[in-house]
């Protein structure tokens, strides 16, 4: 590792690190709106897709006790809309199930799966995500020794809790654990403050604007393999 503390485990962000999540979210929102139109037409007469997005942001601000749980936050969006249009809530679970299914129809970046196969052979990998992606549905669960979700631990990144829990699962100390992620604050600040090594995934040529440097900067998972394997 050329002067860097030996890395014994890796924690790995998911959305926009292993795949571009935005097309899946947009598709899930569109399909959800169509299902609402078919089953609860008064909802789509009152709420556009953009209205739904704004409502989600409003609830994120007004319901701090569920900010860490994106699934419950989305569920509360449906609850709010159905109640606002005088519908009962019997169909909320069906709406949520459809959204989560569509949200998990993800296309990995071309470099992600080969990299996971290489890294899996050398390091324990733990996913660490604020979102609600399902690695079983995505088809990559077998490459990870564990998964840490903000919804389960009660805190969004950059809170230290998720990073430290991931280290426990990997059976590694923070200083010998590398976190890989795309978000400068949620991933890199969070990992650094928790004592982990950091690798910034810079897929879109973003500019690093903080007063410290991550331990590594990469533009693909292939770069990760070149450095670590």
C-alpha atoms as a PDB file:
ATOM      1  CA  UNK A   1       0.000   0.000   0.000  1.00  0.00           C
ATOM      2  CA  UNK A   2       3.049   2.273  -0.288  1.00  0.00           C
ATOM      3  CA  UNK A   3       3.047   4.134   3.008  1.00  0.00           C
ATOM      4  CA  UNK A   4      -0.651   3.749   3.740  1.00  0.00           C
ATOM      5  CA  UNK A   5      -1.869   1.740   6.714  1.00  0.00           C
ATOM      6  CA  UNK A   6      -2.758  -1.754   5.575  1.00  0.00           C
ATOM      7  CA  UNK A   7      -6.391  -2.092   4.565  1.00  0.00           C
ATOM      8  CA  UNK A   8      -8.092  -5.151   6.009  1.00  0.00           C
ATOM      9  CA  UNK A   9     -11.749  -4.426   5.160  1.00  0.00           C
ATOM     10  CA  UNK A  10     -13.848  -2.242   2.886  1.00  0.00           C
ATOM     11  CA  UNK A  11     -17.116  -0.446   3.492  1.00  0.00           C
ATOM     12  CA  UNK A  12     -18.885   0.515   0.325  1.00  0.00           C
ATOM     13  CA  UNK A  13     -21.537   3.079  -0.521  1.00  0.00           C
ATOM     14  CA  UNK A  14     -24.093   1.879  -3.077  1.00  0.00           C
ATOM     15  CA  UNK A  15     -26.147   4.560  -4.858  1.00  0.00           C
ATOM     16  CA  UNK A  16     -24.048   6.481  -7.389  1.00  0.00           C
ATOM     17  CA  UNK A  17     -20.987   4.482  -6.414  1.00  0.00           C
ATOM     18  CA  UNK A  18     -21.909   1.067  -7.848  1.00  0.00           C
ATOM     19  CA  UNK A  19     -24.776   2.332 -10.033  1.00  0.00           C
ATOM     20  CA  UNK A  20     -26.553   5.491 -11.092  1.00  0.00           C
ATOM     21  CA  UNK A  21     -29.650   5.478  -8.899  1.00  0.00           C
ATOM     22  CA  UNK A  22     -31.491   8.398 -10.507  1.00  0.00           C
ATOM     23  CA  UNK A  23     -32.974   6.568 -13.540  1.00  0.00           C
ATOM     24  CA  UNK A  24     -34.386   3.880 -11.250  1.00  0.00           C
ATOM     25  CA  UNK A  25     -35.906   6.451  -8.887  1.00  0.00           C
ATOM     26  CA  UNK A  26     -37.439   8.392 -11.760  1.00  0.00           C
ATOM     27  CA  UNK A  27     -38.871   5.199 -13.241  1.00  0.00           C
ATOM     28  CA  UNK A  28     -40.236   4.125  -9.861  1.00  0.00           C
ATOM     29  CA  UNK A  29     -41.864   7.525  -9.349  1.00  0.00           C
ATOM     30  CA  UNK A  30     -43.443   7.431 -12.809  1.00  0.00           C
ATOM     31  CA  UNK A  31     -44.771   3.898 -12.327  1.00  0.00           C
ATOM     32  CA  UNK A  32     -46.036   4.809  -8.887  1.00  0.00           C
ATOM     33  CA  UNK A  33     -47.885   7.798 -10.307  1.00  0.00           C
ATOM     34  CA  UNK A  34     -49.472   5.602 -12.952  1.00  0.00           C
ATOM     35  CA  UNK A  35     -50.590   3.088 -10.324  1.00  0.00           C
ATOM     36  CA  UNK A  36     -52.066   5.938  -8.283  1.00  0.00           C
ATOM     37  CA  UNK A  37     -53.892   7.173 -11.370  1.00  0.00           C
ATOM     38  CA  UNK A  38     -55.422   3.740 -11.908  1.00  0.00           C
ATOM     39  CA  UNK A  39     -56.403   3.075  -8.303  1.00  0.00           C
ATOM     40  CA  UNK A  40     -56.723   6.513  -6.664  1.00  0.00           C
ATOM     41  CA  UNK A  41     -57.484   8.966  -9.480  1.00  0.00           C
ATOM     42  CA  UNK A  42     -58.236  11.881  -7.157  1.00  0.00           C
ATOM     43  CA  UNK A  43     -54.635  11.705  -5.953  1.00  0.00           C
ATOM     44  CA  UNK A  44     -53.105  12.281  -9.386  1.00  0.00           C
ATOM     45  CA  UNK A  45     -55.651  14.995 -10.125  1.00  0.00           C
ATOM     46  CA  UNK A  46     -54.312  16.841  -7.101  1.00  0.00           C
ATOM     47  CA  UNK A  47     -50.644  15.797  -6.987  1.00  0.00           C
ATOM     48  CA  UNK A  48     -48.244  15.814  -9.941  1.00  0.00           C
ATOM     49  CA  UNK A  49     -44.993  13.842  -9.818  1.00  0.00           C
ATOM     50  CA  UNK A  50     -43.212  17.085  -8.937  1.00  0.00           C
ATOM     51  CA  UNK A  51     -45.746  17.701  -6.167  1.00  0.00           C
ATOM     52  CA  UNK A  52     -44.973  14.252  -4.793  1.00  0.00           C
ATOM     53  CA  UNK A  53     -41.250  15.041  -4.757  1.00  0.00           C
ATOM     54  CA  UNK A  54     -41.899  18.326  -2.982  1.00  0.00           C
ATOM     55  CA  UNK A  55     -44.133  16.584  -0.456  1.00  0.00           C
ATOM     56  CA  UNK A  56     -41.377  14.106   0.293  1.00  0.00           C
ATOM     57  CA  UNK A  57     -38.972  16.979   0.969  1.00  0.00           C
ATOM     58  CA  UNK A  58     -41.551  18.691   3.186  1.00  0.00           C
ATOM     59  CA  UNK A  59     -42.060  15.513   5.212  1.00  0.00           C
ATOM     60  CA  UNK A  60     -38.298  15.036   5.509  1.00  0.00           C
ATOM     61  CA  UNK A  61     -38.158  18.454   7.158  1.00  0.00           C
ATOM     62  CA  UNK A  62     -41.268  18.058   9.298  1.00  0.00           C
ATOM     63  CA  UNK A  63     -40.763  14.457  10.472  1.00  0.00           C
ATOM     64  CA  UNK A  64     -37.171  14.334  11.768  1.00  0.00           C
ATOM     65  CA  UNK A  65     -37.838  11.078  13.622  1.00  0.00           C
ATOM     66  CA  UNK A  66     -38.011   9.173  10.303  1.00  0.00           C
ATOM     67  CA  UNK A  67     -35.418  11.047   8.237  1.00  0.00           C
ATOM     68  CA  UNK A  68     -33.089   8.067   8.497  1.00  0.00           C
ATOM     69  CA  UNK A  69     -35.703   5.683   7.052  1.00  0.00           C
ATOM     70  CA  UNK A  70     -36.320   6.435   3.379  1.00  0.00           C
ATOM     71  CA  UNK A  71     -38.836   3.596   3.066  1.00  0.00           C
ATOM     72  CA  UNK A  72     -40.989   4.897   5.902  1.00  0.00           C
ATOM     73  CA  UNK A  73     -40.620   8.426   4.566  1.00  0.00           C
ATOM     74  CA  UNK A  74     -41.932   7.288   1.190  1.00  0.00           C
ATOM     75  CA  UNK A  75     -44.740   5.413   2.919  1.00  0.00           C
ATOM     76  CA  UNK A  76     -45.768   8.566   4.730  1.00  0.00           C
ATOM     77  CA  UNK A  77     -45.952  10.366   1.377  1.00  0.00           C
ATOM     78  CA  UNK A  78     -48.562   7.847   0.230  1.00  0.00           C
ATOM     79  CA  UNK A  79     -50.403   8.077   3.536  1.00  0.00           C
ATOM     80  CA  UNK A  80     -50.541  11.865   3.297  1.00  0.00           C
ATOM     81  CA  UNK A  81     -51.825  11.869  -0.293  1.00  0.00           C
ATOM     82  CA  UNK A  82     -54.480   9.212   0.260  1.00  0.00           C
ATOM     83  CA  UNK A  83     -55.741  10.920   3.390  1.00  0.00           C
ATOM     84  CA  UNK A  84     -55.770  14.312   1.659  1.00  0.00           C
ATOM     85  CA  UNK A  85     -58.050  12.834  -1.012  1.00  0.00           C
ATOM     86  CA  UNK A  86     -60.327  10.964   1.427  1.00  0.00           C
ATOM     87  CA  UNK A  87     -59.164   7.467   0.551  1.00  0.00           C
ATOM     88  CA  UNK A  88     -58.593   4.724   3.112  1.00  0.00           C
ATOM     89  CA  UNK A  89     -55.074   3.451   3.604  1.00  0.00           C
ATOM     90  CA  UNK A  90     -55.539  -0.199   2.680  1.00  0.00           C
ATOM     91  CA  UNK A  91     -53.496   0.147  -0.495  1.00  0.00           C
ATOM     92  CA  UNK A  92     -50.421   1.788   0.995  1.00  0.00           C
ATOM     93  CA  UNK A  93     -48.478  -1.476   1.308  1.00  0.00           C
ATOM     94  CA  UNK A  94     -49.184  -2.308  -2.333  1.00  0.00           C
ATOM     95  CA  UNK A  95     -47.980   1.124  -3.426  1.00  0.00           C
ATOM     96  CA  UNK A  96     -44.820   0.745  -1.359  1.00  0.00           C
ATOM     97  CA  UNK A  97     -44.147  -2.747  -2.653  1.00  0.00           C
ATOM     98  CA  UNK A  98     -44.388  -1.585  -6.258  1.00  0.00           C
ATOM     99  CA  UNK A  99     -42.151   1.412  -5.627  1.00  0.00           C
ATOM    100  CA  UNK A 100     -39.447  -0.662  -3.928  1.00  0.00           C
ATOM    101  CA  UNK A 101     -39.542  -3.261  -6.695  1.00  0.00           C
ATOM    102  CA  UNK A 102     -39.089  -0.593  -9.374  1.00  0.00           C
ATOM    103  CA  UNK A 103     -36.483   1.287  -7.347  1.00  0.00           C
ATOM    104  CA  UNK A 104     -34.356  -1.857  -7.270  1.00  0.00           C
ATOM    105  CA  UNK A 105     -34.323  -2.424 -11.025  1.00  0.00           C
ATOM    106  CA  UNK A 106     -30.792  -1.090 -11.147  1.00  0.00           C
ATOM    107  CA  UNK A 107     -28.076  -1.276 -13.766  1.00  0.00           C
ATOM    108  CA  UNK A 108     -24.587  -1.531 -12.330  1.00  0.00           C
ATOM    109  CA  UNK A 109     -21.842   0.566 -13.821  1.00  0.00           C
ATOM    110  CA  UNK A 110     -19.863  -1.737 -16.157  1.00  0.00           C
ATOM    111  CA  UNK A 111     -16.839  -1.678 -13.844  1.00  0.00           C
ATOM    112  CA  UNK A 112     -18.772  -2.552 -10.668  1.00  0.00           C
ATOM    113  CA  UNK A 113     -19.365  -6.285 -10.911  1.00  0.00           C
ATOM    114  CA  UNK A 114     -15.826  -7.225 -12.041  1.00  0.00           C
ATOM    115  CA  UNK A 115     -14.468  -5.077  -9.222  1.00  0.00           C
ATOM    116  CA  UNK A 116     -16.722  -6.678  -6.625  1.00  0.00           C
ATOM    117  CA  UNK A 117     -15.535 -10.113  -7.715  1.00  0.00           C
ATOM    118  CA  UNK A 118     -11.898  -9.060  -7.336  1.00  0.00           C
ATOM    119  CA  UNK A 119     -12.334  -7.238  -4.032  1.00  0.00           C
ATOM    120  CA  UNK A 120     -14.500 -10.008  -2.569  1.00  0.00           C
ATOM    121  CA  UNK A 121     -11.628 -12.457  -2.991  1.00  0.00           C
ATOM    122  CA  UNK A 122      -9.316 -10.321  -0.830  1.00  0.00           C
ATOM    123  CA  UNK A 123     -11.381  -8.222   1.593  1.00  0.00           C
ATOM    124  CA  UNK A 124     -14.549  -8.502   3.651  1.00  0.00           C
ATOM    125  CA  UNK A 125     -16.990  -6.058   2.076  1.00  0.00           C
ATOM    126  CA  UNK A 126     -19.785  -4.332   3.992  1.00  0.00           C
ATOM    127  CA  UNK A 127     -22.311  -2.116   2.217  1.00  0.00           C
ATOM    128  CA  UNK A 128     -23.198   1.133   3.962  1.00  0.00           C
ATOM    129  CA  UNK A 129     -26.170   3.033   2.609  1.00  0.00           C
ATOM    130  CA  UNK A 130     -28.713   5.661   3.554  1.00  0.00           C
ATOM    131  CA  UNK A 131     -31.061   4.324   0.883  1.00  0.00           C
ATOM    132  CA  UNK A 132     -33.261   1.262   0.515  1.00  0.00           C
ATOM    133  CA  UNK A 133     -31.618  -0.737  -2.242  1.00  0.00           C
ATOM    134  CA  UNK A 134     -31.982  -4.500  -1.866  1.00  0.00           C
ATOM    135  CA  UNK A 135     -28.763  -6.306  -2.766  1.00  0.00           C
ATOM    136  CA  UNK A 136     -30.636  -9.578  -3.180  1.00  0.00           C
ATOM    137  CA  UNK A 137     -32.798  -8.014  -5.889  1.00  0.00           C
ATOM    138  CA  UNK A 138     -29.798  -6.340  -7.476  1.00  0.00           C
ATOM    139  CA  UNK A 139     -28.019  -9.711  -7.520  1.00  0.00           C
ATOM    140  CA  UNK A 140     -24.831  -8.854  -5.614  1.00  0.00           C
ATOM    141  CA  UNK A 141     -25.617  -9.796  -2.012  1.00  0.00           C
ATOM    142  CA  UNK A 142     -23.189 -12.738  -2.068  1.00  0.00           C
ATOM    143  CA  UNK A 143     -20.212 -10.392  -2.378  1.00  0.00           C
ATOM    144  CA  UNK A 144     -20.886  -8.773   0.996  1.00  0.00           C
ATOM    145  CA  UNK A 145     -20.401 -10.104   4.510  1.00  0.00           C
ATOM    146  CA  UNK A 146     -23.010  -7.640   5.743  1.00  0.00           C
ATOM    147  CA  UNK A 147     -25.182  -4.649   4.965  1.00  0.00           C
ATOM    148  CA  UNK A 148     -25.696  -1.539   7.091  1.00  0.00           C
ATOM    149  CA  UNK A 149     -28.696   0.694   6.416  1.00  0.00           C
ATOM    150  CA  UNK A 150     -29.480   4.013   8.048  1.00  0.00           C
ATOM    151  CA  UNK A 151     -33.027   2.759   8.606  1.00  0.00           C
ATOM    152  CA  UNK A 152     -31.676  -0.007  10.863  1.00  0.00           C
ATOM    153  CA  UNK A 153     -29.232   2.012  12.938  1.00  0.00           C
ATOM    154  CA  UNK A 154     -31.263   5.212  13.266  1.00  0.00           C
ATOM    155  CA  UNK A 155     -28.815   7.672  11.706  1.00  0.00           C
ATOM    156  CA  UNK A 156     -28.018   8.946   8.241  1.00  0.00           C
ATOM    157  CA  UNK A 157     -24.437   9.360   7.126  1.00  0.00           C
ATOM    158  CA  UNK A 158     -22.231  11.229   7.991  1.00  0.00           C
ATOM    159  CA  UNK A 159     -23.085  10.108  11.536  1.00  0.00           C
ATOM    160  CA  UNK A 160     -20.377   7.780  12.810  1.00  0.00           C
ATOM    161  CA  UNK A 161     -22.770   5.025  13.901  1.00  0.00           C
ATOM    162  CA  UNK A 162     -23.104   3.364  10.511  1.00  0.00           C
ATOM    163  CA  UNK A 163     -19.387   3.388   9.814  1.00  0.00           C
ATOM    164  CA  UNK A 164     -18.540   1.910  13.196  1.00  0.00           C
ATOM    165  CA  UNK A 165     -21.232  -0.739  12.860  1.00  0.00           C
ATOM    166  CA  UNK A 166     -19.825  -1.703   9.469  1.00  0.00           C
ATOM    167  CA  UNK A 167     -16.379  -2.108  11.035  1.00  0.00           C
ATOM    168  CA  UNK A 168     -17.850  -4.407  13.676  1.00  0.00           C
ATOM    169  CA  UNK A 169     -19.431  -6.558  10.987  1.00  0.00           C
ATOM    170  CA  UNK A 170     -16.153  -6.704   9.056  1.00  0.00           C
ATOM    171  CA  UNK A 171     -14.258  -7.459  12.291  1.00  0.00           C
ATOM    172  CA  UNK A 172     -11.831  -4.640  11.566  1.00  0.00           C
ATOM    173  CA  UNK A 173     -10.651  -1.506  13.306  1.00  0.00           C
ATOM    174  CA  UNK A 174     -11.663   1.846  11.746  1.00  0.00           C
ATOM    175  CA  UNK A 175      -8.046   2.740  10.950  1.00  0.00           C
ATOM    176  CA  UNK A 176      -7.609  -0.411   8.876  1.00  0.00           C
ATOM    177  CA  UNK A 177     -10.971  -0.071   7.112  1.00  0.00           C
ATOM    178  CA  UNK A 178     -11.449   1.809   3.847  1.00  0.00           C
ATOM    179  CA  UNK A 179     -14.737   3.468   2.964  1.00  0.00           C
ATOM    180  CA  UNK A 180     -15.501   4.048  -0.710  1.00  0.00           C
ATOM    181  CA  UNK A 181     -18.245   6.494  -1.641  1.00  0.00           C
ATOM    182  CA  UNK A 182     -19.253   9.311  -3.951  1.00  0.00           C
ATOM    183  CA  UNK A 183     -20.550  11.943  -1.541  1.00  0.00           C
ATOM    184  CA  UNK A 184     -17.966  14.337  -0.040  1.00  0.00           C
ATOM    185  CA  UNK A 185     -19.970  14.978   3.141  1.00  0.00           C
ATOM    186  CA  UNK A 186     -22.004  11.819   3.731  1.00  0.00           C
ATOM    187  CA  UNK A 187     -19.270   9.403   2.712  1.00  0.00           C
ATOM    188  CA  UNK A 188     -15.873  11.044   2.994  1.00  0.00           C
ATOM    189  CA  UNK A 189     -16.445  13.413   5.915  1.00  0.00           C
ATOM    190  CA  UNK A 190     -18.376  10.714   7.726  1.00  0.00           C
ATOM    191  CA  UNK A 191     -15.752   8.027   7.240  1.00  0.00           C
ATOM    192  CA  UNK A 192     -12.871  10.355   8.103  1.00  0.00           C
ATOM    193  CA  UNK A 193     -14.559  11.498  11.314  1.00  0.00           C
ATOM    194  CA  UNK A 194     -15.209   7.888  12.294  1.00  0.00           C
ATOM    195  CA  UNK A 195     -11.519   7.090  11.852  1.00  0.00           C
ATOM    196  CA  UNK A 196     -11.743   5.149   8.582  1.00  0.00           C
ATOM    197  CA  UNK A 197      -9.528   5.558   5.551  1.00  0.00           C
ATOM    198  CA  UNK A 198     -11.313   7.253   2.657  1.00  0.00           C
ATOM    199  CA  UNK A 199     -11.638   6.752  -1.079  1.00  0.00           C
ATOM    200  CA  UNK A 200     -13.676   9.285  -3.022  1.00  0.00           C
ATOM    201  CA  UNK A 201     -15.509   7.928  -6.053  1.00  0.00           C
ATOM    202  CA  UNK A 202     -15.362  10.806  -8.547  1.00  0.00           C
ATOM    203  CA  UNK A 203     -17.225   9.410 -11.536  1.00  0.00           C
ATOM    204  CA  UNK A 204     -18.284  12.739 -13.045  1.00  0.00           C
ATOM    205  CA  UNK A 205     -15.080  14.775 -12.737  1.00  0.00           C
ATOM    206  CA  UNK A 206     -16.352  16.699  -9.732  1.00  0.00           C
ATOM    207  CA  UNK A 207     -13.980  19.117  -8.027  1.00  0.00           C
ATOM    208  CA  UNK A 208     -12.839  18.379  -4.484  1.00  0.00           C
ATOM    209  CA  UNK A 209     -13.521  21.527  -2.452  1.00  0.00           C
ATOM    210  CA  UNK A 210     -12.627  20.623   1.121  1.00  0.00           C
ATOM    211  CA  UNK A 211      -9.558  21.693   3.069  1.00  0.00           C
ATOM    212  CA  UNK A 212      -8.288  18.116   3.358  1.00  0.00           C
ATOM    213  CA  UNK A 213      -7.709  15.397   0.788  1.00  0.00           C
ATOM    214  CA  UNK A 214      -9.227  11.911   0.834  1.00  0.00           C
ATOM    215  CA  UNK A 215      -6.695   9.098   1.078  1.00  0.00           C
ATOM    216  CA  UNK A 216      -7.531   8.113  -2.482  1.00  0.00           C
ATOM    217  CA  UNK A 217      -9.523   9.582  -5.351  1.00  0.00           C
ATOM    218  CA  UNK A 218     -10.792   7.292  -8.118  1.00  0.00           C
ATOM    219  CA  UNK A 219     -13.083   7.577 -11.102  1.00  0.00           C
ATOM    220  CA  UNK A 220     -14.210   3.959 -11.396  1.00  0.00           C
ATOM    221  CA  UNK A 221     -14.291   0.697  -9.513  1.00  0.00           C
ATOM    222  CA  UNK A 222     -11.582  -0.517 -11.866  1.00  0.00           C
ATOM    223  CA  UNK A 223      -9.327   2.096 -10.282  1.00  0.00           C
ATOM    224  CA  UNK A 224     -10.187   0.662  -6.880  1.00  0.00           C
ATOM    225  CA  UNK A 225      -9.008  -2.774  -7.986  1.00  0.00           C
ATOM    226  CA  UNK A 226      -5.803  -1.343  -9.426  1.00  0.00           C
ATOM    227  CA  UNK A 227      -4.992   0.297  -6.105  1.00  0.00           C
ATOM    228  CA  UNK A 228      -6.075  -2.428  -3.707  1.00  0.00           C
ATOM    229  CA  UNK A 229      -5.531  -5.654  -5.563  1.00  0.00           C
END
